[in-house]
C-alpha atoms as a PDB file:
ATOM      1  CA  MET A   1     -15.319  26.497  -9.674  1.00  0.00           C
ATOM      2  CA  LYS A   2     -13.266  24.218 -11.916  1.00  0.00           C
ATOM      3  CA  LEU A   3     -11.365  21.260 -10.481  1.00  0.00           C
ATOM      4  CA  LYS A   4      -8.470  20.055 -12.605  1.00  0.00           C
ATOM      5  CA  HIS A   5      -7.558  16.392 -12.757  1.00  0.00           C
ATOM      6  CA  GLY A   6      -6.091  13.873 -15.173  1.00  0.00           C
ATOM      7  CA  ILE A   7      -6.903  10.463 -16.627  1.00  0.00           C
ATOM      8  CA  VAL A   8      -4.227   7.911 -17.522  1.00  0.00           C
ATOM      9  CA  ILE A   9      -4.861   6.071 -20.818  1.00  0.00           C
ATOM     10  CA  ILE A  10      -2.669   3.184 -22.009  1.00  0.00           C
ATOM     11  CA  ASN A  11      -2.480   2.503 -25.748  1.00  0.00           C
ATOM     12  CA  LEU A  12      -2.940  -1.263 -26.168  1.00  0.00           C
ATOM     13  CA  GLU A  13      -2.109  -1.182 -29.875  1.00  0.00           C
ATOM     14  CA  LYS A  14       1.573  -1.153 -29.038  1.00  0.00           C
ATOM     15  CA  SER A  15       3.340  -4.513 -28.987  1.00  0.00           C
ATOM     16  CA  GLU A  16       3.728  -6.384 -25.712  1.00  0.00           C
ATOM     17  CA  GLU A  17       7.501  -5.984 -25.956  1.00  0.00           C
ATOM     18  CA  GLU A  18       7.250  -2.235 -26.512  1.00  0.00           C
ATOM     19  CA  LEU A  19       4.844  -1.817 -23.608  1.00  0.00           C
ATOM     20  CA  PHE A  20       7.034  -3.815 -21.258  1.00  0.00           C
ATOM     21  CA  THR A  21      10.510  -2.662 -22.223  1.00  0.00           C
ATOM     22  CA  LYS A  22       9.952   0.937 -23.349  1.00  0.00           C
ATOM     23  CA  GLN A  23       6.760   2.285 -21.827  1.00  0.00           C
ATOM     24  CA  ILE A  24       6.388   0.785 -18.356  1.00  0.00           C
ATOM     25  CA  HIS A  25       8.571   2.235 -15.603  1.00  0.00           C
ATOM     26  CA  LYS A  26      11.471   0.035 -14.491  1.00  0.00           C
ATOM     27  CA  ASN A  27       9.942  -0.308 -11.003  1.00  0.00           C
ATOM     28  CA  HIS A  28       6.793  -1.877 -12.468  1.00  0.00           C
ATOM     29  CA  ARG A  29       8.879  -4.198 -14.655  1.00  0.00           C
ATOM     30  CA  TRP A  30      10.759  -5.331 -11.553  1.00  0.00           C
ATOM     31  CA  SER A  31       7.476  -5.838  -9.671  1.00  0.00           C
ATOM     32  CA  ILE A  32       5.986  -7.976 -12.446  1.00  0.00           C
ATOM     33  CA  LYS A  33       9.066 -10.202 -12.530  1.00  0.00           C
ATOM     34  CA  LYS A  34       9.062 -10.500  -8.740  1.00  0.00           C
ATOM     35  CA  ALA A  35       5.361 -11.460  -8.632  1.00  0.00           C
ATOM     36  CA  ILE A  36       5.984 -14.190 -11.211  1.00  0.00           C
ATOM     37  CA  LYS A  37       8.998 -15.379  -9.205  1.00  0.00           C
ATOM     38  CA  ASN A  38       6.792 -15.453  -6.099  1.00  0.00           C
ATOM     39  CA  LYS A  39       4.416 -17.743  -8.016  1.00  0.00           C
ATOM     40  CA  VAL A  40       1.490 -15.327  -7.919  1.00  0.00           C
ATOM     41  CA  VAL A  41      -1.286 -16.707 -10.161  1.00  0.00           C
ATOM     42  CA  PHE A  42      -3.664 -14.606 -12.276  1.00  0.00           C
ATOM     43  CA  ARG A  43      -7.041 -15.783 -13.557  1.00  0.00           C
ATOM     44  CA  PRO A  44     -10.529 -14.502 -14.410  1.00  0.00           C
ATOM     45  CA  GLY A  45     -12.760 -14.446 -11.351  1.00  0.00           C
ATOM     46  CA  LYS A  46     -15.644 -16.791 -10.567  1.00  0.00           C
ATOM     47  CA  LYS A  47     -18.901 -16.272  -8.701  1.00  0.00           C
ATOM     48  CA  GLN A  48     -17.541 -18.169  -5.707  1.00  0.00           C
ATOM     49  CA  ASP A  49     -14.730 -15.579  -5.486  1.00  0.00           C
ATOM     50  CA  HIS A  50     -17.170 -12.752  -4.729  1.00  0.00           C
ATOM     51  CA  LYS A  51     -17.227 -13.217  -0.958  1.00  0.00           C
ATOM     52  CA  LYS A  52     -13.450 -13.089  -0.511  1.00  0.00           C
ATOM     53  CA  CYS A  53     -13.071 -10.203  -2.959  1.00  0.00           C
ATOM     54  CA  TYR A  54     -15.748  -8.203  -1.207  1.00  0.00           C
ATOM     55  CA  GLU A  55     -14.009  -8.728   2.131  1.00  0.00           C
ATOM     56  CA  LEU A  56     -10.820  -7.256   0.643  1.00  0.00           C
ATOM     57  CA  TYR A  57     -12.831  -4.391  -0.813  1.00  0.00           C
ATOM     58  CA  GLN A  58     -14.462  -3.627   2.549  1.00  0.00           C
ATOM     59  CA  LYS A  59     -11.058  -3.522   4.255  1.00  0.00           C
ATOM     60  CA  THR A  60      -9.791  -1.072   1.620  1.00  0.00           C
ATOM     61  CA  CYS A  61     -12.842   1.130   2.146  1.00  0.00           C
ATOM     62  CA  GLU A  62     -12.406   1.085   5.933  1.00  0.00           C
ATOM     63  CA  ILE A  63      -8.745   2.079   5.701  1.00  0.00           C
ATOM     64  CA  ASN A  64      -9.587   4.998   3.400  1.00  0.00           C
ATOM     65  CA  TYR A  65     -12.829   5.986   5.167  1.00  0.00           C
ATOM     66  CA  LEU A  66     -15.019   5.175   2.182  1.00  0.00           C
ATOM     67  CA  HIS A  67     -18.461   3.618   2.133  1.00  0.00           C
ATOM     68  CA  PRO A  68     -18.509   0.303   0.209  1.00  0.00           C
ATOM     69  CA  ASN A  69     -20.799  -0.263  -2.749  1.00  0.00           C
ATOM     70  CA  SER A  70     -22.694  -3.531  -2.304  1.00  0.00           C
ATOM     71  CA  ASN A  71     -23.261  -3.850  -6.073  1.00  0.00           C
ATOM     72  CA  ILE A  72     -19.669  -3.986  -7.319  1.00  0.00           C
ATOM     73  CA  PHE A  73     -20.165  -7.358  -9.017  1.00  0.00           C
ATOM     74  CA  ASP A  74     -23.294  -6.362 -10.959  1.00  0.00           C
ATOM     75  CA  ASN A  75     -21.349  -5.215 -14.018  1.00  0.00           C
ATOM     76  CA  GLY A  76     -17.911  -5.798 -15.443  1.00  0.00           C
ATOM     77  CA  PHE A  77     -15.273  -8.514 -15.566  1.00  0.00           C
ATOM     78  CA  LEU A  78     -13.709  -9.824 -12.365  1.00  0.00           C
ATOM     79  CA  PHE A  79     -10.048 -10.833 -12.240  1.00  0.00           C
ATOM     80  CA  VAL A  80      -8.127 -12.188  -9.257  1.00  0.00           C
ATOM     81  CA  VAL A  81      -4.550 -12.902  -8.211  1.00  0.00           C
ATOM     82  CA  LEU A  82      -3.762 -15.778  -5.876  1.00  0.00           C
ATOM     83  CA  LEU A  83      -0.878 -17.026  -3.781  1.00  0.00           C
ATOM     84  CA  ASN A  84      -0.997 -20.656  -2.705  1.00  0.00           C
ATOM     85  CA  LYS A  85      -4.614 -20.755  -3.923  1.00  0.00           C
ATOM     86  CA  LYS A  86      -5.585 -17.821  -1.676  1.00  0.00           C
ATOM     87  CA  ILE A  87      -7.059 -14.684  -3.274  1.00  0.00           C
ATOM     88  CA  ILE A  88      -4.843 -11.737  -2.341  1.00  0.00           C
ATOM     89  CA  GLY A  89      -6.147  -9.166  -4.798  1.00  0.00           C
ATOM     90  CA  PHE A  90      -8.807  -8.468  -7.392  1.00  0.00           C
ATOM     91  CA  ALA A  91      -9.946  -5.951  -9.970  1.00  0.00           C
ATOM     92  CA  ILE A  92     -13.196  -5.296 -11.800  1.00  0.00           C
ATOM     93  CA  VAL A  93     -12.958  -3.972 -15.338  1.00  0.00           C
ATOM     94  CA  ASN A  94     -15.740  -2.520 -17.484  1.00  0.00           C
ATOM     95  CA  THR A  95     -15.940  -1.972 -21.217  1.00  0.00           C
ATOM     96  CA  LYS A  96     -16.168   1.809 -21.505  1.00  0.00           C
ATOM     97  CA  SER A  97     -16.719   1.631 -25.265  1.00  0.00           C
ATOM     98  CA  LYS A  98     -16.074  -0.760 -28.155  1.00  0.00           C
ATOM     99  CA  ASP A  99     -12.344  -0.050 -28.020  1.00  0.00           C
ATOM    100  CA  THR A 100     -11.759   1.036 -24.398  1.00  0.00           C
ATOM    101  CA  ILE A 101     -11.769  -0.729 -21.034  1.00  0.00           C
ATOM    102  CA  SER A 102     -11.707   0.998 -17.660  1.00  0.00           C
ATOM    103  CA  LEU A 103     -10.725  -0.159 -14.187  1.00  0.00           C
ATOM    104  CA  THR A 104     -13.682   0.251 -11.815  1.00  0.00           C
ATOM    105  CA  TYR A 105     -12.614  -1.437  -8.558  1.00  0.00           C
ATOM    106  CA  ASN A 106      -9.310  -2.740  -7.240  1.00  0.00           C
ATOM    107  CA  SER A 107      -8.318  -4.061  -3.817  1.00  0.00           C
ATOM    108  CA  SER A 108      -5.469  -6.148  -2.499  1.00  0.00           C
ATOM    109  CA  ASP A 109      -4.435  -7.724   0.790  1.00  0.00           C
ATOM    110  CA  TYR A 110      -1.914  -5.403   2.452  1.00  0.00           C
ATOM    111  CA  GLU A 111      -0.305  -8.372   4.204  1.00  0.00           C
ATOM    112  CA  TYR A 112       0.905  -9.645   0.816  1.00  0.00           C
ATOM    113  CA  ARG A 113       2.009  -6.292  -0.617  1.00  0.00           C
ATOM    114  CA  ASN A 114       5.623  -7.449  -0.958  1.00  0.00           C
ATOM    115  CA  THR A 115       4.600 -10.134  -3.453  1.00  0.00           C
ATOM    116  CA  GLN A 116       3.875  -7.307  -5.966  1.00  0.00           C
ATOM    117  CA  ALA A 117       0.670  -9.132  -6.908  1.00  0.00           C
ATOM    118  CA  ASN A 118      -1.235  -5.932  -7.678  1.00  0.00           C
ATOM    119  CA  VAL A 119       1.226  -4.858 -10.368  1.00  0.00           C
ATOM    120  CA  LEU A 120       1.019  -8.290 -11.987  1.00  0.00           C
ATOM    121  CA  LEU A 121      -2.783  -8.035 -11.828  1.00  0.00           C
ATOM    122  CA  TYR A 122      -2.783  -4.817 -13.863  1.00  0.00           C
ATOM    123  CA  TRP A 123      -0.251  -6.184 -16.354  1.00  0.00           C
ATOM    124  CA  LYS A 124      -2.196  -9.386 -16.960  1.00  0.00           C
ATOM    125  CA  ILE A 125      -5.477  -7.489 -17.377  1.00  0.00           C
ATOM    126  CA  LEU A 126      -3.765  -5.219 -19.882  1.00  0.00           C
ATOM    127  CA  LEU A 127      -2.560  -8.208 -21.908  1.00  0.00           C
ATOM    128  CA  TYR A 128      -5.919 -10.015 -21.595  1.00  0.00           C
ATOM    129  CA  PHE A 129      -7.863  -7.216 -23.235  1.00  0.00           C
ATOM    130  CA  LYS A 130      -5.095  -6.391 -25.693  1.00  0.00           C
ATOM    131  CA  LYS A 131      -5.431  -9.923 -27.078  1.00  0.00           C
ATOM    132  CA  LYS A 132      -9.185  -9.374 -27.378  1.00  0.00           C
ATOM    133  CA  GLY A 133      -8.594  -6.399 -29.647  1.00  0.00           C
ATOM    134  CA  TYR A 134      -9.219  -3.493 -27.296  1.00  0.00           C
ATOM    135  CA  GLN A 135      -7.184  -0.384 -28.065  1.00  0.00           C
ATOM    136  CA  TYR A 136      -7.149   1.584 -24.809  1.00  0.00           C
ATOM    137  CA  PHE A 137      -7.004   0.912 -21.074  1.00  0.00           C
ATOM    138  CA  ASP A 138      -8.366   3.715 -18.879  1.00  0.00           C
ATOM    139  CA  LEU A 139      -6.645   3.522 -15.476  1.00  0.00           C
ATOM    140  CA  GLY A 140      -8.820   6.260 -14.022  1.00  0.00           C
ATOM    141  CA  GLY A 141      -8.134   9.647 -12.546  1.00  0.00           C
ATOM    142  CA  ILE A 142      -5.090  11.215 -10.939  1.00  0.00           C
ATOM    143  CA  ASN A 143      -4.649  14.423  -8.938  1.00  0.00           C
ATOM    144  CA  ILE A 144      -2.848  17.209 -10.783  1.00  0.00           C
ATOM    145  CA  HIS A 145      -2.687  19.931  -8.115  1.00  0.00           C
ATOM    146  CA  SER A 146      -2.661  17.787  -5.004  1.00  0.00           C
ATOM    147  CA  LYS A 147      -0.368  15.317  -3.243  1.00  0.00           C
ATOM    148  CA  TYR A 148      -3.357  13.474  -1.789  1.00  0.00           C
ATOM    149  CA  LEU A 149      -3.258   9.836  -2.947  1.00  0.00           C
ATOM    150  CA  LYS A 150       0.242  10.479  -4.295  1.00  0.00           C
ATOM    151  CA  ASN A 151       1.197   6.789  -4.125  1.00  0.00           C
ATOM    152  CA  ILE A 152      -1.853   5.757  -6.185  1.00  0.00           C
ATOM    153  CA  ASP A 153      -1.181   8.499  -8.726  1.00  0.00           C
ATOM    154  CA  THR A 154       2.467   7.421  -9.048  1.00  0.00           C
ATOM    155  CA  PHE A 155       1.369   3.801  -9.487  1.00  0.00           C
ATOM    156  CA  LYS A 156      -0.842   4.784 -12.436  1.00  0.00           C
ATOM    157  CA  ILE A 157       1.654   7.172 -14.036  1.00  0.00           C
ATOM    158  CA  ARG A 158       4.370   4.494 -14.006  1.00  0.00           C
ATOM    159  CA  TRP A 159       2.384   2.518 -16.575  1.00  0.00           C
ATOM    160  CA  GLY A 160       3.532   5.121 -19.060  1.00  0.00           C
ATOM    161  CA  GLY A 161       0.146   5.980 -20.503  1.00  0.00           C
ATOM    162  CA  GLU A 162      -0.980   9.314 -21.875  1.00  0.00           C
ATOM    163  CA  ILE A 163      -2.250  11.758 -19.246  1.00  0.00           C
ATOM    164  CA  ILE A 164      -5.367  13.529 -20.474  1.00  0.00           C
ATOM    165  CA  LYS A 165      -6.109  16.665 -18.477  1.00  0.00           C
ATOM    166  CA  LYS A 166      -9.720  17.505 -17.667  1.00  0.00           C
ATOM    167  CA  GLU A 167     -11.776  20.011 -15.698  1.00  0.00           C
ATOM    168  CA  ASN A 168     -14.986  19.478 -13.765  1.00  0.00           C
ATOM    169  CA  LYS A 169     -17.329  22.265 -12.708  1.00  0.00           C
ATOM    170  CA  ILE A 170     -18.234  21.946  -9.027  1.00  0.00           C
ATOM    171  CA  ASN A 171     -19.564  24.233  -6.318  1.00  0.00           C
ATOM    172  CA  LEU A 172     -17.304  26.091  -3.883  1.00  0.00           C
ATOM    173  CA  ILE A 173     -17.823  23.714  -0.948  1.00  0.00           C
ATOM    174  CA  LYS A 174     -16.890  20.645  -3.021  1.00  0.00           C
ATOM    175  CA  TYR A 175     -13.935  22.502  -4.495  1.00  0.00           C
ATOM    176  CA  ILE A 176     -12.547  23.351  -1.037  1.00  0.00           C
ATOM    177  CA  TRP A 177     -13.016  19.727   0.049  1.00  0.00           C
ATOM    178  CA  TRP A 178     -11.382  18.139  -3.002  1.00  0.00           C
ATOM    179  CA  ARG A 179      -8.626  20.732  -3.306  1.00  0.00           C
ATOM    180  CA  TRP A 180      -7.529  20.960   0.330  1.00  0.00           C
ATOM    181  CA  LEU A 181      -9.608  19.436   3.137  1.00  0.00           C
ATOM    182  CA  ARG A 182      -9.611  15.793   2.056  1.00  0.00           C
ATOM    183  CA  HIS A 183      -5.844  15.711   2.656  1.00  0.00           C
ATOM    184  CA  SER A 184      -6.627  15.527   6.369  1.00  0.00           C
ATOM    185  CA  LYS A 185      -7.112  11.997   7.695  1.00  0.00           C
ATOM    186  CA  ILE A 186      -9.060  13.412  10.656  1.00  0.00           C
ATOM    187  CA  LEU A 187     -11.516  15.236   8.391  1.00  0.00           C
ATOM    188  CA  ARG A 188     -11.937  12.220   6.129  1.00  0.00           C
ATOM    189  CA  LYS A 189     -12.722  10.075   9.150  1.00  0.00           C
ATOM    190  CA  LEU A 190     -15.159  12.686  10.486  1.00  0.00           C
ATOM    191  CA  LYS A 191     -16.961  12.865   7.147  1.00  0.00           C
ATOM    192  CA  TYR A 192     -17.093   9.052   7.004  1.00  0.00           C
ATOM    193  CA  GLU A 193     -18.602   8.777  10.496  1.00  0.00           C
ATOM    194  CA  ILE A 194     -21.192  11.500   9.816  1.00  0.00           C
ATOM    195  CA  GLN A 195     -22.274   9.867   6.550  1.00  0.00           C
ATOM    196  CA  LYS A 196     -22.386   6.480   8.269  1.00  0.00           C
ATOM    197  CA  LYS A 197     -24.730   7.811  10.989  1.00  0.00           C
ATOM    198  CA  LEU A 198     -26.957   9.613   8.498  1.00  0.00           C
ATOM    199  CA  LYS A 199     -27.291   6.456   6.424  1.00  0.00           C
ATOM    200  CA  TYR A 200     -28.082   4.441   9.549  1.00  0.00           C
ATOM    201  CA  LYS A 201     -30.868   6.866  10.537  1.00  0.00           C
ATOM    202  CA  LYS A 202     -32.254   6.759   7.018  1.00  0.00           C
ATOM    203  CA  ASP A 203     -32.467   2.962   7.139  1.00  0.00           C
ATOM    204  CA  LEU A 204     -34.473   2.940  10.389  1.00  0.00           C
END
């Protein structure tokens, strides 16, 4: 079976003005301005930020019934956004090639969602690597034939990048799961709990 999906790629060779005024969706432009108005601060992450960032990451995994990866800080560049010196979001970016960066992990504190810190985080990362001479920013995959994770897909598409369509060959069981079953919160939770128990037994 072939599962169709897309990848959003932003061209960093465009000018900052062109990216902001012509490419990015007006909702993202508004969010960036609001985050700046809210005095959200962006900076590269430090080793002492790992604990707080991992706590945010674990919460994101729990909400989405995903198992956290304990090695997220082993590779890549960490960036954080803060409000009143408190970390409210982070992202880890890897260099996919000499001219391309890709977003590997991203989590934010839901309590501070109205600050629009996550949008500012993406924008600042984009500008950071643009200044370093990188040409492309890979925002990761989106669903083409599914409304699952629609909000995340919309968030990525609003950056105005090129959508590259791809196909992956998978077996029938995985196809049924990715195409239809994972839409169900109950089934996702069931799968999460089963995997959690199996892992626990394996560790004994």
